[in-house]
Amino acid sequence: MSIAATHDLTDDKKVAVKIINTKTTSPNDLEKVKREVQIMKQLSHPHIVKLYFLFLFLLSFFLFYV
């Protein structure tokens, strides 16, 4: 897993990208990622980053947080 800070070019927002390689991640950790996504979709608080969007590409999850 790696995390990087970048800018969304369409909205010019500062975002954090969490990249999780599904090939090297244990099934237990993948379940934790799924749970994280479910929880983050429900949260809305000014002091907690918001899950902006996610996608799966070439065996990796990309989670974008604003």
N, C-alpha and C. Protein backbone atom coordinates (compact mmCIF):
# COMPACT_ATOMS: atom_id res chain seq x y z
N MET A 1 0.85 -1.17 0.00
CA MET A 1 0.00 0.00 0.00
C MET A 1 0.90 1.23 0.00
N SER A 2 0.48 2.22 -0.78
CA SER A 2 1.20 3.49 -0.77
C SER A 2 0.18 4.63 -0.80
N ILE A 3 0.60 5.77 -0.30
CA ILE A 3 -0.27 6.95 -0.24
C ILE A 3 0.51 8.12 -0.82
N ALA A 4 -0.17 8.89 -1.68
CA ALA A 4 0.48 10.05 -2.30
C ALA A 4 -0.48 11.23 -2.28
N ALA A 5 0.07 12.42 -2.20
CA ALA A 5 -0.72 13.65 -2.29
C ALA A 5 -0.61 14.16 -3.72
N THR A 6 -1.73 14.61 -4.27
CA THR A 6 -1.74 15.11 -5.64
C THR A 6 -2.90 16.07 -5.82
N HIS A 7 -3.10 16.55 -7.04
CA HIS A 7 -4.22 17.44 -7.36
C HIS A 7 -5.13 16.76 -8.36
N ASP A 8 -6.43 16.93 -8.17
CA ASP A 8 -7.42 16.49 -9.15
C ASP A 8 -7.43 17.56 -10.24
N LEU A 9 -7.07 17.19 -11.44
CA LEU A 9 -6.97 18.17 -12.52
C LEU A 9 -8.32 18.72 -12.96
N THR A 10 -9.41 17.96 -12.77
CA THR A 10 -10.72 18.44 -13.20
C THR A 10 -11.29 19.48 -12.25
N ASP A 11 -11.06 19.31 -10.94
CA ASP A 11 -11.61 20.23 -9.95
C ASP A 11 -10.55 21.07 -9.25
N ASP A 12 -9.29 20.82 -9.53
CA ASP A 12 -8.16 21.49 -8.89
C ASP A 12 -8.24 21.38 -7.36
N LYS A 13 -8.65 20.21 -6.89
CA LYS A 13 -8.69 19.95 -5.46
C LYS A 13 -7.44 19.18 -5.06
N LYS A 14 -7.01 19.40 -3.84
CA LYS A 14 -5.91 18.62 -3.28
C LYS A 14 -6.49 17.29 -2.83
N VAL A 15 -5.92 16.18 -3.28
CA VAL A 15 -6.42 14.86 -2.92
C VAL A 15 -5.28 13.97 -2.44
N ALA A 16 -5.64 12.99 -1.65
CA ALA A 16 -4.71 11.93 -1.25
C ALA A 16 -5.15 10.67 -1.98
N VAL A 17 -4.19 9.94 -2.51
CA VAL A 17 -4.49 8.71 -3.23
C VAL A 17 -3.89 7.55 -2.46
N LYS A 18 -4.72 6.59 -2.11
CA LYS A 18 -4.25 5.37 -1.45
C LYS A 18 -4.29 4.27 -2.51
N ILE A 19 -3.13 3.67 -2.78
CA ILE A 19 -3.03 2.63 -3.81
C ILE A 19 -2.76 1.30 -3.11
N ILE A 20 -3.64 0.34 -3.37
CA ILE A 20 -3.54 -0.97 -2.72
C ILE A 20 -3.46 -2.03 -3.80
N ASN A 21 -2.33 -2.73 -3.85
CA ASN A 21 -2.13 -3.80 -4.82
C ASN A 21 -2.84 -5.05 -4.31
N THR A 22 -3.87 -5.48 -5.03
CA THR A 22 -4.66 -6.63 -4.57
C THR A 22 -3.90 -7.94 -4.71
N LYS A 23 -2.88 -7.97 -5.55
CA LYS A 23 -2.12 -9.20 -5.74
C LYS A 23 -1.21 -9.50 -4.54
N THR A 24 -0.72 -8.47 -3.88
CA THR A 24 0.21 -8.67 -2.76
C THR A 24 -0.45 -8.43 -1.39
N THR A 25 -1.74 -8.14 -1.38
CA THR A 25 -2.45 -7.87 -0.12
C THR A 25 -3.18 -9.14 0.32
N SER A 26 -3.12 -9.43 1.59
CA SER A 26 -3.76 -10.64 2.11
C SER A 26 -5.28 -10.51 2.03
N PRO A 27 -5.99 -11.64 1.95
CA PRO A 27 -7.45 -11.60 1.93
C PRO A 27 -8.03 -10.87 3.15
N ASN A 28 -7.41 -11.04 4.30
CA ASN A 28 -7.86 -10.36 5.52
C ASN A 28 -7.74 -8.83 5.36
N ASP A 29 -6.63 -8.39 4.80
CA ASP A 29 -6.45 -6.95 4.60
C ASP A 29 -7.39 -6.41 3.53
N LEU A 30 -7.70 -7.20 2.51
CA LEU A 30 -8.66 -6.77 1.49
C LEU A 30 -10.05 -6.58 2.10
N GLU A 31 -10.41 -7.44 3.04
CA GLU A 31 -11.68 -7.27 3.75
C GLU A 31 -11.69 -5.97 4.54
N LYS A 32 -10.55 -5.63 5.13
CA LYS A 32 -10.45 -4.37 5.87
C LYS A 32 -10.59 -3.17 4.94
N VAL A 33 -10.05 -3.28 3.74
CA VAL A 33 -10.19 -2.19 2.75
C VAL A 33 -11.65 -2.04 2.36
N LYS A 34 -12.33 -3.14 2.12
CA LYS A 34 -13.76 -3.09 1.78
C LYS A 34 -14.56 -2.44 2.91
N ARG A 35 -14.21 -2.78 4.14
CA ARG A 35 -14.89 -2.19 5.30
C ARG A 35 -14.59 -0.69 5.39
N GLU A 36 -13.33 -0.32 5.14
CA GLU A 36 -12.95 1.09 5.15
C GLU A 36 -13.79 1.87 4.14
N VAL A 37 -13.95 1.32 2.94
CA VAL A 37 -14.72 2.00 1.91
C VAL A 37 -16.18 2.16 2.34
N GLN A 38 -16.76 1.11 2.90
CA GLN A 38 -18.15 1.19 3.36
C GLN A 38 -18.32 2.27 4.42
N ILE A 39 -17.40 2.32 5.36
CA ILE A 39 -17.48 3.31 6.43
C ILE A 39 -17.27 4.72 5.89
N MET A 40 -16.27 4.89 5.03
CA MET A 40 -15.95 6.22 4.50
C MET A 40 -17.08 6.78 3.64
N LYS A 41 -17.83 5.91 2.98
CA LYS A 41 -18.97 6.37 2.19
C LYS A 41 -20.05 7.00 3.07
N GLN A 42 -20.14 6.56 4.31
CA GLN A 42 -21.19 7.01 5.22
C GLN A 42 -20.80 8.27 6.00
N LEU A 43 -19.50 8.52 6.14
CA LEU A 43 -19.04 9.62 6.98
C LEU A 43 -19.17 10.97 6.28
N SER A 44 -19.56 11.95 7.06
CA SER A 44 -19.61 13.32 6.57
C SER A 44 -19.32 14.23 7.76
N HIS A 45 -18.09 14.71 7.83
CA HIS A 45 -17.67 15.55 8.95
C HIS A 45 -16.59 16.50 8.45
N PRO A 46 -16.61 17.75 8.85
CA PRO A 46 -15.63 18.71 8.34
C PRO A 46 -14.17 18.40 8.71
N HIS A 47 -13.93 17.57 9.72
CA HIS A 47 -12.57 17.27 10.15
C HIS A 47 -12.11 15.87 9.75
N ILE A 48 -12.88 15.20 8.91
CA ILE A 48 -12.52 13.86 8.42
C ILE A 48 -12.49 13.91 6.90
N VAL A 49 -11.40 13.39 6.33
CA VAL A 49 -11.32 13.38 4.87
C VAL A 49 -12.48 12.58 4.29
N LYS A 50 -12.92 12.99 3.10
CA LYS A 50 -14.05 12.33 2.46
C LYS A 50 -13.54 11.46 1.31
N LEU A 51 -14.13 10.27 1.20
CA LEU A 51 -13.82 9.40 0.07
C LEU A 51 -14.41 10.04 -1.17
N TYR A 52 -13.58 10.46 -2.09
CA TYR A 52 -13.99 11.19 -3.28
C TYR A 52 -14.46 10.21 -4.35
N PHE A 53 -13.63 9.24 -4.69
CA PHE A 53 -14.02 8.13 -5.55
C PHE A 53 -12.97 7.04 -5.48
N LEU A 54 -13.30 5.87 -6.03
CA LEU A 54 -12.36 4.77 -6.06
C LEU A 54 -12.55 4.00 -7.35
N PHE A 55 -11.50 3.31 -7.76
CA PHE A 55 -11.62 2.42 -8.90
C PHE A 55 -10.57 1.33 -8.82
N LEU A 56 -10.81 0.27 -9.56
CA LEU A 56 -9.90 -0.87 -9.64
C LEU A 56 -9.28 -0.87 -11.02
N PHE A 57 -7.94 -0.90 -11.07
CA PHE A 57 -7.24 -0.88 -12.34
C PHE A 57 -5.99 -1.74 -12.23
N LEU A 58 -5.84 -2.70 -13.12
CA LEU A 58 -4.66 -3.57 -13.14
C LEU A 58 -4.32 -4.14 -11.77
N LEU A 59 -5.29 -4.74 -11.14
CA LEU A 59 -5.12 -5.42 -9.85
C LEU A 59 -4.80 -4.49 -8.69
N SER A 60 -5.11 -3.22 -8.81
CA SER A 60 -4.89 -2.29 -7.71
C SER A 60 -6.16 -1.45 -7.47
N PHE A 61 -6.47 -1.25 -6.19
CA PHE A 61 -7.52 -0.31 -5.82
C PHE A 61 -6.88 1.06 -5.71
N PHE A 62 -7.58 2.08 -6.20
CA PHE A 62 -7.15 3.46 -6.05
C PHE A 62 -8.28 4.18 -5.30
N LEU A 63 -8.00 4.63 -4.09
CA LEU A 63 -8.98 5.34 -3.28
C LEU A 63 -8.54 6.80 -3.21
N PHE A 64 -9.43 7.70 -3.62
CA PHE A 64 -9.12 9.13 -3.64
C PHE A 64 -9.87 9.82 -2.50
N TYR A 65 -9.13 10.51 -1.66
CA TYR A 65 -9.71 11.23 -0.53
C TYR A 65 -9.49 12.72 -0.70
N VAL A 66 -10.52 13.51 -0.34
CA VAL A 66 -10.43 14.97 -0.39
C VAL A 66 -10.41 15.49 1.03
